[in-house]
N, C-alpha and C. Protein backbone atom coordinates (compact mmCIF):
# COMPACT_ATOMS: atom_id res chain seq x y z
N MET A 1 -31.75 0.50 -34.03
CA MET A 1 -31.24 1.16 -32.84
C MET A 1 -30.93 2.62 -33.18
N LYS A 2 -31.36 3.52 -32.34
CA LYS A 2 -31.11 4.95 -32.55
C LYS A 2 -29.68 5.29 -32.19
N THR A 3 -29.09 6.19 -32.99
CA THR A 3 -27.75 6.67 -32.67
C THR A 3 -27.89 7.82 -31.69
N PRO A 4 -26.92 7.98 -30.79
CA PRO A 4 -27.01 9.09 -29.83
C PRO A 4 -26.99 10.44 -30.56
N LYS A 5 -27.75 11.39 -30.04
CA LYS A 5 -27.79 12.72 -30.63
C LYS A 5 -26.49 13.45 -30.32
N LYS A 6 -25.96 14.13 -31.32
CA LYS A 6 -24.73 14.90 -31.14
C LYS A 6 -25.05 16.37 -31.14
N ARG A 7 -24.58 17.07 -30.15
CA ARG A 7 -24.78 18.52 -30.09
C ARG A 7 -23.75 19.21 -30.96
N ALA A 8 -24.18 20.30 -31.55
CA ALA A 8 -23.26 21.11 -32.34
C ALA A 8 -22.21 21.72 -31.42
N VAL A 9 -21.02 21.91 -31.96
CA VAL A 9 -19.93 22.50 -31.19
C VAL A 9 -20.27 23.94 -30.83
N VAL A 10 -20.87 24.66 -31.77
CA VAL A 10 -21.23 26.06 -31.57
C VAL A 10 -22.74 26.17 -31.49
N THR A 11 -23.24 26.91 -30.51
CA THR A 11 -24.68 27.12 -30.40
C THR A 11 -25.12 28.07 -31.49
N GLY A 12 -26.15 27.67 -32.23
CA GLY A 12 -26.64 28.51 -33.33
C GLY A 12 -27.81 29.36 -32.88
N ASP A 13 -28.41 30.04 -33.85
CA ASP A 13 -29.57 30.88 -33.59
C ASP A 13 -30.82 30.01 -33.48
N LEU A 14 -31.67 30.31 -32.52
CA LEU A 14 -32.94 29.60 -32.36
C LEU A 14 -33.94 30.19 -33.34
N VAL A 15 -34.57 29.30 -34.12
CA VAL A 15 -35.59 29.72 -35.08
C VAL A 15 -36.84 28.92 -34.78
N GLY A 16 -37.90 29.59 -34.37
CA GLY A 16 -39.17 28.92 -34.10
C GLY A 16 -40.01 28.89 -35.36
N VAL A 17 -40.59 27.73 -35.66
CA VAL A 17 -41.39 27.57 -36.87
C VAL A 17 -42.68 26.83 -36.53
N ARG A 18 -43.79 27.34 -37.03
CA ARG A 18 -45.05 26.62 -36.90
C ARG A 18 -45.36 26.00 -38.26
N ILE A 19 -45.78 24.73 -38.24
CA ILE A 19 -46.17 24.08 -39.49
C ILE A 19 -47.57 23.52 -39.34
N GLN A 20 -48.28 23.53 -40.44
CA GLN A 20 -49.64 23.02 -40.46
C GLN A 20 -49.62 21.49 -40.40
N PRO A 21 -50.72 20.88 -39.95
CA PRO A 21 -50.76 19.42 -39.80
C PRO A 21 -50.37 18.64 -41.05
N ASP A 22 -50.77 19.11 -42.24
CA ASP A 22 -50.43 18.38 -43.46
C ASP A 22 -48.92 18.40 -43.71
N MET A 23 -48.26 19.52 -43.42
CA MET A 23 -46.81 19.59 -43.58
C MET A 23 -46.11 18.77 -42.49
N ALA A 24 -46.65 18.75 -41.29
CA ALA A 24 -46.08 17.95 -40.20
C ALA A 24 -46.12 16.47 -40.58
N LYS A 25 -47.20 16.05 -41.22
CA LYS A 25 -47.31 14.65 -41.65
C LYS A 25 -46.26 14.36 -42.71
N GLN A 26 -46.09 15.27 -43.67
CA GLN A 26 -45.07 15.07 -44.71
C GLN A 26 -43.67 15.02 -44.10
N LEU A 27 -43.42 15.88 -43.13
CA LEU A 27 -42.13 15.90 -42.45
C LEU A 27 -41.90 14.58 -41.72
N ASP A 28 -42.90 14.13 -40.98
CA ASP A 28 -42.78 12.87 -40.23
C ASP A 28 -42.61 11.68 -41.16
N ASP A 29 -43.32 11.69 -42.29
CA ASP A 29 -43.17 10.60 -43.27
C ASP A 29 -41.74 10.59 -43.82
N TRP A 30 -41.19 11.79 -44.12
CA TRP A 30 -39.83 11.89 -44.65
C TRP A 30 -38.81 11.39 -43.63
N ARG A 31 -38.94 11.84 -42.40
CA ARG A 31 -37.92 11.47 -41.41
C ARG A 31 -37.96 9.99 -41.06
N ARG A 32 -39.14 9.36 -41.14
CA ARG A 32 -39.22 7.92 -40.87
C ARG A 32 -38.54 7.10 -41.95
N LYS A 33 -38.35 7.68 -43.13
CA LYS A 33 -37.66 6.99 -44.23
C LYS A 33 -36.14 7.08 -44.08
N GLN A 34 -35.66 7.93 -43.18
CA GLN A 34 -34.22 8.09 -42.97
C GLN A 34 -33.73 6.95 -42.08
N GLU A 35 -32.50 6.53 -42.34
CA GLU A 35 -31.93 5.39 -41.63
C GLU A 35 -31.94 5.57 -40.11
N ASP A 36 -31.62 6.78 -39.65
CA ASP A 36 -31.51 7.02 -38.20
C ASP A 36 -32.76 7.66 -37.59
N ILE A 37 -33.80 7.87 -38.36
CA ILE A 37 -35.04 8.49 -37.91
C ILE A 37 -34.77 9.72 -37.02
N PRO A 38 -34.37 10.81 -37.65
CA PRO A 38 -34.06 12.01 -36.86
C PRO A 38 -35.32 12.61 -36.25
N GLY A 39 -35.15 13.38 -35.20
CA GLY A 39 -36.27 14.12 -34.63
C GLY A 39 -36.67 15.23 -35.58
N ARG A 40 -37.78 15.88 -35.30
CA ARG A 40 -38.25 16.94 -36.18
C ARG A 40 -37.23 18.07 -36.37
N PRO A 41 -36.60 18.58 -35.31
CA PRO A 41 -35.63 19.67 -35.53
C PRO A 41 -34.49 19.26 -36.46
N GLU A 42 -33.94 18.06 -36.25
CA GLU A 42 -32.84 17.59 -37.11
C GLU A 42 -33.33 17.37 -38.53
N ALA A 43 -34.53 16.84 -38.69
CA ALA A 43 -35.09 16.62 -40.03
C ALA A 43 -35.24 17.96 -40.76
N ILE A 44 -35.71 18.97 -40.05
CA ILE A 44 -35.86 20.30 -40.66
C ILE A 44 -34.51 20.85 -41.07
N ARG A 45 -33.50 20.70 -40.21
CA ARG A 45 -32.14 21.17 -40.56
C ARG A 45 -31.64 20.48 -41.83
N ARG A 46 -31.85 19.16 -41.92
CA ARG A 46 -31.38 18.41 -43.10
C ARG A 46 -32.11 18.86 -44.36
N LEU A 47 -33.41 19.07 -44.26
CA LEU A 47 -34.17 19.49 -45.42
C LEU A 47 -33.79 20.90 -45.86
N VAL A 48 -33.50 21.77 -44.90
CA VAL A 48 -33.04 23.12 -45.24
C VAL A 48 -31.70 23.03 -45.96
N GLU A 49 -30.78 22.20 -45.47
CA GLU A 49 -29.48 22.03 -46.13
C GLU A 49 -29.66 21.55 -47.56
N LEU A 50 -30.56 20.57 -47.76
CA LEU A 50 -30.83 20.08 -49.12
C LEU A 50 -31.38 21.19 -50.00
N GLY A 51 -32.32 21.95 -49.46
CA GLY A 51 -32.91 23.05 -50.23
C GLY A 51 -31.90 24.11 -50.60
N LEU A 52 -30.96 24.38 -49.73
CA LEU A 52 -29.95 25.40 -50.00
C LEU A 52 -28.93 24.95 -51.05
N LYS A 53 -28.82 23.65 -51.27
CA LYS A 53 -27.89 23.14 -52.28
C LYS A 53 -28.48 23.15 -53.68
N VAL A 54 -29.77 23.31 -53.81
CA VAL A 54 -30.44 23.29 -55.11
C VAL A 54 -30.05 24.53 -55.91
N LYS A 55 -29.67 24.29 -57.14
CA LYS A 55 -29.31 25.41 -58.03
C LYS A 55 -30.58 26.01 -58.62
N VAL A 56 -30.72 27.32 -58.51
CA VAL A 56 -31.89 28.02 -59.05
C VAL A 56 -31.48 28.71 -60.34
N LYS A 57 -32.33 28.58 -61.34
CA LYS A 57 -32.03 29.21 -62.64
C LYS A 57 -32.19 30.71 -62.57
């Protein structure tokens, strides 16, 4: 069962992104592995958060 989508309290900046079909497939494969199966925008937000937490040497 899908959980209801929650809107952010504060409206953020809109960022439009085009992705190639191979990356879209990777994104869709990743999001289907998540417990709540987020939509593409939420999946992208989560992946960006993960990427920003990575420590770079």
